[in-house]
Protein backbone atom coordinates (compact mmCIF):
# COMPACT_ATOMS: atom_id res chain seq x y z
CA MET A 1 20.20 1.08 20.70
CA ILE A 2 17.65 0.82 17.93
CA LYS A 3 18.07 -2.46 15.67
CA ARG A 4 16.17 -3.46 12.79
CA ILE A 5 15.31 -7.21 12.16
CA GLY A 6 13.89 -8.61 8.93
CA LYS A 7 12.48 -5.89 6.56
CA HIS A 8 10.13 -3.80 8.89
CA THR A 9 10.45 -4.59 12.52
CA ILE A 10 12.57 -2.54 15.01
CA GLU A 11 13.83 -3.86 18.12
CA PHE A 12 14.64 -1.96 21.00
CA THR A 13 17.74 -3.14 23.12
CA GLU A 14 17.45 -0.90 26.05
CA LYS A 15 13.48 -1.65 25.80
CA PRO A 16 11.66 1.96 26.45
CA ARG A 17 10.03 1.37 29.83
CA ILE A 18 5.99 2.14 30.53
CA ILE A 19 6.14 4.14 33.74
CA SER A 20 2.38 4.86 33.99
CA ALA A 21 -0.85 4.80 31.92
CA ALA A 22 -4.23 5.87 32.33
CA ALA A 23 -7.87 5.53 30.49
CA VAL A 24 -10.83 7.90 30.96
CA VAL A 25 -14.27 6.85 29.57
CA GLY A 26 -17.63 7.91 28.89
CA LYS A 27 -21.11 6.22 30.36
CA LYS A 28 -21.78 3.63 27.75
CA GLU A 29 -17.93 2.15 28.06
CA SER A 30 -18.72 2.46 32.01
CA GLU A 31 -21.32 -0.29 31.68
CA GLY A 32 -19.53 -2.49 29.71
CA PRO A 33 -17.24 -5.22 30.63
CA LEU A 34 -14.13 -3.48 31.41
CA ALA A 35 -15.73 -0.88 33.78
CA GLN A 36 -13.71 -2.15 36.81
CA TRP A 37 -10.21 -1.11 34.97
CA PHE A 38 -10.75 2.36 34.08
CA ASP A 39 -9.25 5.19 36.06
CA LYS A 40 -12.10 7.52 35.35
CA THR A 41 -15.84 7.06 34.08
CA VAL A 42 -17.99 10.01 33.10
CA THR A 43 -21.69 10.02 33.15
CA ASP A 44 -21.83 13.33 31.72
CA THR A 45 -20.22 12.83 28.17
CA THR A 46 -20.09 16.44 27.79
CA MET A 47 -17.65 16.95 30.41
CA GLY A 48 -19.38 20.10 31.07
CA GLY A 49 -18.33 21.63 27.59
CA GLU A 50 -20.37 23.53 24.99
CA THR A 51 -19.69 20.85 22.44
CA TRP A 52 -18.87 17.06 21.89
CA GLU A 53 -15.57 18.51 20.36
CA LYS A 54 -14.79 20.18 23.53
CA ALA A 55 -15.71 17.40 25.67
CA GLU A 56 -13.16 14.83 23.58
CA ALA A 57 -10.30 17.54 24.16
CA MET A 58 -10.97 17.13 28.15
CA PHE A 59 -10.94 13.69 27.98
CA GLN A 60 -7.45 13.82 26.32
CA LYS A 61 -6.32 16.41 29.30
CA GLU A 62 -7.79 14.13 31.98
CA ALA A 63 -5.98 10.72 30.75
CA LEU A 64 -2.73 12.89 30.49
CA THR A 65 -3.47 14.35 34.24
CA PHE A 66 -4.30 11.07 35.94
CA ALA A 67 -1.01 9.26 33.71
CA ALA A 68 1.24 12.04 35.26
CA GLU A 69 -0.04 12.00 38.72
CA LYS A 70 0.36 8.33 38.99
CA SER A 71 4.21 8.07 38.00
CA GLY A 72 4.77 11.51 39.89
CA VAL A 73 5.74 13.01 36.57
CA LYS A 74 5.40 16.69 36.18
CA SER A 75 4.29 18.27 32.83
CA GLU A 76 7.62 19.79 32.53
CA ASP A 77 9.27 16.20 33.22
CA ILE A 78 7.67 15.12 29.57
CA ASP A 79 9.77 15.98 26.59
CA TYR A 80 7.42 15.46 23.98
CA ALA A 81 3.62 14.58 23.60
CA PHE A 82 2.64 12.52 20.68
CA ALA A 83 -1.07 12.36 20.04
CA GLY A 84 -3.74 12.36 17.74
CA ASP A 85 -7.79 11.84 16.94
CA LEU A 86 -10.21 11.46 14.50
CA LEU A 87 -11.19 14.88 14.09
CA ASN A 88 -9.92 17.40 11.16
CA GLN A 89 -6.55 18.47 12.18
CA CYS A 90 -6.37 16.54 15.08
CA VAL A 91 -8.24 19.36 17.24
CA SER A 92 -8.91 17.32 20.02
CA SER A 93 -5.37 16.62 20.66
CA SER A 94 -4.07 20.25 20.35
CA CYS A 95 -6.83 21.51 22.55
CA GLY A 96 -6.57 19.17 25.14
CA LEU A 97 -2.86 19.19 25.73
CA ARG A 98 -2.29 22.91 24.79
CA ASP A 99 -2.40 24.16 28.36
CA PHE A 100 0.65 21.22 29.42
CA GLY A 101 3.16 23.56 27.77
CA ILE A 102 4.64 20.04 26.25
CA PRO A 103 6.14 20.07 22.80
CA PHE A 104 3.56 18.38 20.38
CA LEU A 105 3.47 16.35 17.65
CA GLY A 106 0.30 15.68 16.14
CA GLN A 107 -0.62 12.38 15.03
CA TYR A 108 -3.12 10.66 12.39
CA GLY A 109 -3.52 6.92 11.98
CA ALA A 110 -7.23 6.92 12.36
CA CYS A 111 -7.91 3.87 14.91
CA SER A 112 -4.26 2.94 14.72
CA THR A 113 -3.21 5.87 16.06
CA MET A 114 -2.57 4.76 19.99
CA ALA A 115 0.00 2.31 18.34
CA GLN A 116 1.67 5.17 16.07
CA THR A 117 2.11 7.27 19.27
CA ILE A 118 3.67 4.72 21.19
CA ALA A 119 5.90 4.05 18.49
CA CYS A 120 7.25 7.38 17.73
CA ALA A 121 7.57 7.95 21.59
CA SER A 122 9.55 4.58 21.75
CA VAL A 123 11.86 5.78 18.95
CA PHE A 124 12.27 9.18 20.77
CA VAL A 125 13.37 8.08 24.01
CA GLU A 126 15.69 4.85 23.00
CA SER A 127 17.61 6.90 20.65
CA GLY A 128 18.18 9.31 23.59
CA ALA A 129 16.40 12.07 21.82
CA ALA A 130 13.88 12.29 24.86
CA ASP A 131 13.87 10.95 28.35
CA ILE A 132 9.85 10.76 28.91
CA CYS A 133 7.20 10.95 25.95
CA ALA A 134 3.53 11.00 26.16
CA ALA A 135 1.47 8.77 23.81
CA VAL A 136 -2.23 10.30 24.00
CA THR A 137 -5.19 9.27 21.82
CA SER A 138 -9.21 9.89 22.14
CA SER A 139 -12.73 9.44 20.47
CA HIS A 140 -15.95 10.36 21.10
CA PHE A 141 -18.99 8.75 19.78
CA CYS A 142 -20.93 12.24 18.79
CA SER A 143 -18.13 14.07 17.39
CA ALA A 144 -17.11 11.07 15.00
CA GLU A 145 -20.85 10.71 14.18
CA ARG A 146 -21.16 14.20 12.91
CA GLN A 147 -17.51 14.00 11.54
CA PHE A 148 -17.80 10.98 9.57
CA ARG A 149 -21.32 10.42 9.11
CA LEU A 150 -24.44 12.47 10.20
CA PRO A 151 -25.00 14.59 13.36
CA LEU A 152 -27.12 12.39 16.18
CA GLN A 153 -30.48 14.70 15.48
CA TYR A 154 -30.83 13.11 12.25
CA GLY A 155 -31.73 9.63 13.70
CA GLY A 156 -29.71 7.73 10.88
CA GLN A 157 -30.28 4.25 10.75
CA ARG A 158 -26.99 1.85 11.86
CA THR A 159 -26.32 -1.36 9.44
CA PRO A 160 -25.34 -4.76 11.03
CA THR A 161 -21.65 -4.00 9.98
CA ALA A 162 -21.42 -0.68 11.78
CA GLN A 163 -19.13 -0.02 14.86
CA TRP A 164 -19.69 2.22 18.04
CA THR A 165 -17.13 4.82 18.53
CA VAL A 166 -15.94 4.64 21.92
CA THR A 167 -16.01 7.83 24.05
CA GLY A 168 -12.60 7.50 25.79
CA SER A 169 -8.85 8.15 26.03
CA GLY A 170 -5.77 6.63 26.65
CA CYS A 171 -2.55 7.86 27.80
CA MET A 172 0.91 5.86 28.08
CA LEU A 173 4.01 7.70 29.57
CA ILE A 174 6.96 6.09 28.02
CA ALA A 175 10.87 6.62 29.15
CA GLY A 176 14.02 5.80 28.18
CA ALA A 177 15.87 3.13 30.09
CA GLU A 178 19.41 2.18 30.68
CA ASN A 179 21.23 -0.71 32.23
CA GLY A 180 18.03 -2.24 32.94
CA THR A 181 15.84 0.32 34.17
CA VAL A 182 14.49 3.60 33.64
CA ARG A 183 17.42 6.64 32.82
CA THR A 184 16.49 9.16 35.36
CA PRO A 185 18.59 12.59 34.87
CA ASP A 186 18.97 14.87 37.41
CA ARG A 187 16.14 17.02 36.09
CA ILE A 188 13.70 14.20 36.54
CA GLN A 189 14.62 12.98 39.84
CA ASN A 190 11.50 13.75 41.27
CA ILE A 191 9.52 10.94 39.77
CA THR A 192 9.11 8.35 42.73
CA ASN A 193 5.63 6.30 42.08
CA TYR A 194 6.52 4.40 38.73
CA THR A 195 6.84 0.96 38.00
CA ASP A 196 9.10 0.02 34.99
CA GLN A 197 8.60 -3.57 34.67
CA THR A 198 6.69 -3.46 31.52
CA ALA A 199 8.44 -2.24 28.20
CA VAL A 200 8.40 -1.92 24.40
CA GLU A 201 10.51 -4.81 23.00
CA HIS A 202 9.58 -4.23 19.19
CA ILE A 203 7.48 -2.18 16.75
CA CYS A 204 6.48 -3.19 13.46
CA THR A 205 4.92 -0.48 10.97
CA GLY A 206 2.06 -0.89 9.06
CA LYS A 207 1.60 -0.93 5.29
CA ILE A 208 -1.43 0.61 3.76
CA ILE A 209 -3.51 -2.18 2.73
CA ASP A 210 -6.62 -1.81 0.59
CA LEU A 211 -9.13 -4.49 -0.02
CA GLY A 212 -11.65 -2.56 -2.02
CA ILE A 213 -14.03 -1.81 0.65
CA LYS A 214 -16.34 1.22 -0.10
CA ASP A 215 -18.92 1.00 2.94
CA ALA A 216 -18.04 3.40 5.65
CA ASN A 217 -20.37 1.20 7.84
CA ASN A 218 -17.87 -1.69 7.80
CA MET A 219 -14.69 -0.43 8.82
CA GLY A 220 -13.61 -3.86 10.38
CA ALA A 221 -13.42 -5.26 6.78
CA ALA A 222 -11.59 -2.38 5.81
CA MET A 223 -8.96 -3.00 8.34
CA ALA A 224 -8.71 -6.53 8.71
CA GLY A 225 -6.21 -6.84 5.48
CA ALA A 226 -3.85 -4.65 7.10
CA ALA A 227 -3.90 -6.35 10.38
CA ALA A 228 -3.00 -9.69 9.00
CA ASP A 229 -0.44 -8.21 6.92
CA THR A 230 1.43 -6.53 9.96
CA ILE A 231 1.29 -9.71 12.05
CA TYR A 232 2.42 -11.93 9.22
CA ARG A 233 5.22 -9.67 8.62
CA PHE A 234 5.98 -9.22 12.25
CA LEU A 235 6.20 -12.98 12.75
CA THR A 236 8.33 -13.42 9.87
CA ASP A 237 10.63 -11.03 10.93
CA THR A 238 11.09 -12.24 14.16
CA ASN A 239 10.71 -15.89 13.37
CA THR A 240 8.10 -16.31 15.99
CA THR A 241 4.81 -17.99 16.30
CA ALA A 242 1.50 -16.79 17.42
CA SER A 243 1.71 -19.48 20.45
CA ASP A 244 4.70 -17.54 21.62
CA TYR A 245 2.46 -14.82 22.81
CA ASP A 246 0.25 -14.41 25.79
CA LEU A 247 -2.08 -12.55 24.05
CA ILE A 248 -2.54 -11.11 20.25
CA VAL A 249 -4.71 -7.76 20.44
CA THR A 250 -6.20 -6.04 17.70
CA GLY A 251 -7.50 -2.81 17.81
CA ASP A 252 -10.99 -2.60 17.02
CA LEU A 253 -12.03 -4.95 13.89
CA GLY A 254 -15.15 -5.86 15.68
CA LEU A 255 -16.91 -9.02 14.66
CA VAL A 256 -16.80 -8.92 10.86
CA GLY A 257 -13.18 -7.70 10.76
CA THR A 258 -12.35 -10.25 13.16
CA GLU A 259 -13.70 -13.21 11.25
CA LEU A 260 -12.05 -11.99 8.03
CA LEU A 261 -8.73 -11.48 9.55
CA TYR A 262 -8.73 -15.18 10.81
CA GLU A 263 -9.56 -16.21 7.35
CA LEU A 264 -6.56 -13.97 5.94
CA LEU A 265 -4.10 -15.38 8.34
CA ASN A 266 -5.31 -19.22 7.84
CA LYS A 267 -4.10 -18.78 4.24
CA GLU A 268 -0.73 -17.89 5.55
CA LYS A 269 -1.15 -21.20 7.95
CA ILE A 270 -1.09 -18.67 10.65
CA ASN A 271 -3.72 -19.54 13.69
CA ILE A 272 -4.41 -16.72 16.31
CA LYS A 273 -7.95 -17.89 17.62
CA ASP A 274 -6.55 -19.60 20.67
CA ASN A 275 -4.47 -16.44 22.28
CA HIS A 276 -6.46 -13.49 20.18
CA LYS A 277 -8.82 -10.59 21.37
CA ASP A 278 -9.98 -7.60 19.53
CA CYS A 279 -10.39 -4.54 21.64
CA GLY A 280 -13.36 -3.53 19.90
CA LEU A 281 -14.94 -6.86 21.49
CA MET A 282 -13.91 -6.42 24.79
CA ILE A 283 -15.03 -3.00 25.82
CA PHE A 284 -18.75 -3.54 24.79
CA ASP A 285 -20.99 -6.37 25.77
CA LEU A 286 -22.72 -7.05 22.41
CA ASP A 287 -25.61 -9.00 23.87
CA GLU A 288 -26.45 -6.25 26.25
CA GLN A 289 -25.52 -3.04 24.87
CA ASP A 290 -26.75 -1.93 21.34
CA VAL A 291 -22.90 -1.36 19.64
CA HIS A 292 -23.77 -3.59 16.71
CA ALA A 293 -20.38 -5.30 15.26
CA GLY A 294 -18.56 -3.90 18.46
CA GLY A 295 -16.56 -0.68 19.07
CA SER A 296 -14.39 1.40 17.32
CA GLY A 297 -12.36 4.78 17.52
CA CYS A 298 -8.67 5.82 18.74
CA GLY A 299 -10.08 5.64 21.96
CA CYS A 300 -11.41 2.18 21.92
CA SER A 301 -7.74 0.35 21.66
CA ALA A 302 -6.40 3.43 23.63
CA SER A 303 -8.65 2.91 26.59
CA VAL A 304 -8.48 -0.94 26.37
CA LEU A 305 -4.77 -1.20 26.37
CA CYS A 306 -4.02 1.88 28.90
CA SER A 307 -6.52 0.10 31.54
CA TYR A 308 -7.07 -3.82 31.28
CA LEU A 309 -4.12 -4.92 29.44
CA TYR A 310 -1.27 -2.82 31.07
CA LYS A 311 -2.96 -3.34 34.65
CA ASN A 312 -2.98 -7.00 33.90
CA MET A 313 0.48 -7.02 32.94
CA LEU A 314 1.53 -5.20 35.96
CA ALA A 315 0.06 -8.02 37.78
CA ARG A 316 1.87 -10.54 35.60
CA ARG A 317 -1.47 -12.09 34.61
CA PHE A 318 0.19 -11.11 31.03
CA ASN A 319 3.91 -11.04 30.17
CA ASN A 320 4.33 -10.93 26.42
CA ILE A 321 1.80 -9.23 24.37
CA LEU A 322 1.58 -8.02 20.79
CA PHE A 323 -0.83 -5.14 20.61
CA ILE A 324 -2.05 -4.21 17.19
CA ALA A 325 -4.13 -1.12 16.47
CA THR A 326 -6.16 -0.79 13.45
CA GLY A 327 -7.26 2.04 11.54
CA ALA A 328 -9.37 2.99 8.58
CA LEU A 329 -7.82 5.91 6.48
CA MET A 330 -10.95 7.35 5.17
CA SER A 331 -12.67 10.94 4.91
CA PRO A 332 -16.16 12.07 4.38
CA THR A 333 -14.85 13.36 1.44
CA ILE A 334 -13.21 10.24 -0.42
CA VAL A 335 -16.32 8.21 0.70
CA GLN A 336 -18.65 10.39 -1.22
CA GLN A 337 -16.51 10.61 -4.02
CA GLY A 338 -16.76 6.63 -4.61
CA GLU A 339 -13.15 5.99 -3.32
CA SER A 340 -12.10 2.39 -1.20
CA ILE A 341 -10.90 2.73 2.28
CA SER A 342 -7.60 1.57 2.70
CA GLY A 343 -6.75 -0.06 6.18
CA ILE A 344 -3.62 0.31 8.40
CA ALA A 345 -2.14 -1.39 11.48
CA HIS A 346 0.62 -0.96 13.70
CA LEU A 347 2.14 -3.35 16.04
CA VAL A 348 3.71 -2.63 19.70
CA HIS A 349 5.40 -5.70 21.44
CA PHE A 350 5.01 -5.11 25.04
CA VAL A 351 6.87 -7.38 27.85
CA ASN A 352 7.88 -7.90 31.16
CA THR A 353 11.24 -7.47 31.94
CA LYS A 354 11.53 -8.07 35.37
C-alpha cells in the first residue's frame, strides 16, 4: 500500500524489494577507490563501438544483463524498464535497452535520474501495476563533454569547480512484496537466485530549486540547494533526524556542492557531516586522479549505489540509508542564453527488512 506522510514523502507499507543490482564502469573509475565493488570494469571505453554514444548504450545493456543474471530473472519477467541518461532524447537508454523487448518509460532528471527511476519503479510494483521493474541509468565522459561542453578534440581547459562525468551504468531490479517477502506470481517462478532483504521504505520527490548559478562548470553549487531542500522536507515529514540513519548519501555534489550543502542545512540546524558521503567524492581519488571537484553524471550515483552501497547493505554493514541523487537541469541552449541552472534532488530511503 502507498501512503503519503507529511507533504511530499511516500511510504511503502509492503516495501518494494531490491532483488539484484549491477554496476559497469570505465577505465578511470576502475582505477579509483571503489574498483573492487563494481561488477564489470572495461578498459576500452568505446566498448568496441564506433561512437561514444553507442558505447554508453552498451554500458546500460551490460548493466541490465548482469542484474538479470544475478537474480535469475529473464527479460520477459521484467514488466517495465525505467531508464534515462544525459543525452538528447535519452538515446543511450532507448538504444541500449531496445533489444530486450521490455516496455520502456524514458526518464530525465539529469544526474538525479537513478533516484527518479527507482522511485517510479517502486510506485509501480507497490501498487500492483507491475511485479518486477528495472531502474537503469548511465553516463559517459566523452559523450557528455560533446553534449554539454566541447568535444575532447578541442582540448578545452577545465575550471577548479568542474567535475568529471563518470563513465558507467547502474541497474536495479525492483520487485513487489507481499506479506514480508517478494511477490512471485506463477509466471515468474523461475527466479531462484535473488535476495530480498533490502527494500525501499520511502521516497521523497524533489522540487526545482534555483540558486541563480549560471556557470555550467559549477554544477555542484547548482544542485546543493535542491539536496538541502529535499533532505529538510524528508526529515520534517518523517519526524526523524540525520543521526537516525547509518548513511546519508548525495548523488554527485562534489567538493563545492558538498560544502554548500552543509552550509545550507546548518541554517536549518541540521548537521549531516558525521554520516554523510557524496558519490562524486567516493568514486574517484581526488588526490591521485585529475577530476578537479569530483565525479558527476547519471552513472556516478548509479554505479556507486548498485555496487558499494547495495553490497554493503547485503553484508549488513549498512541497514538504513538515505540516497539523494542530485541533478542540474540544464542544456547547452539555456546556458548559452545566460539562463540560470536549476537543481533537483530525489530521495530514496533503503532499509534492510530481515
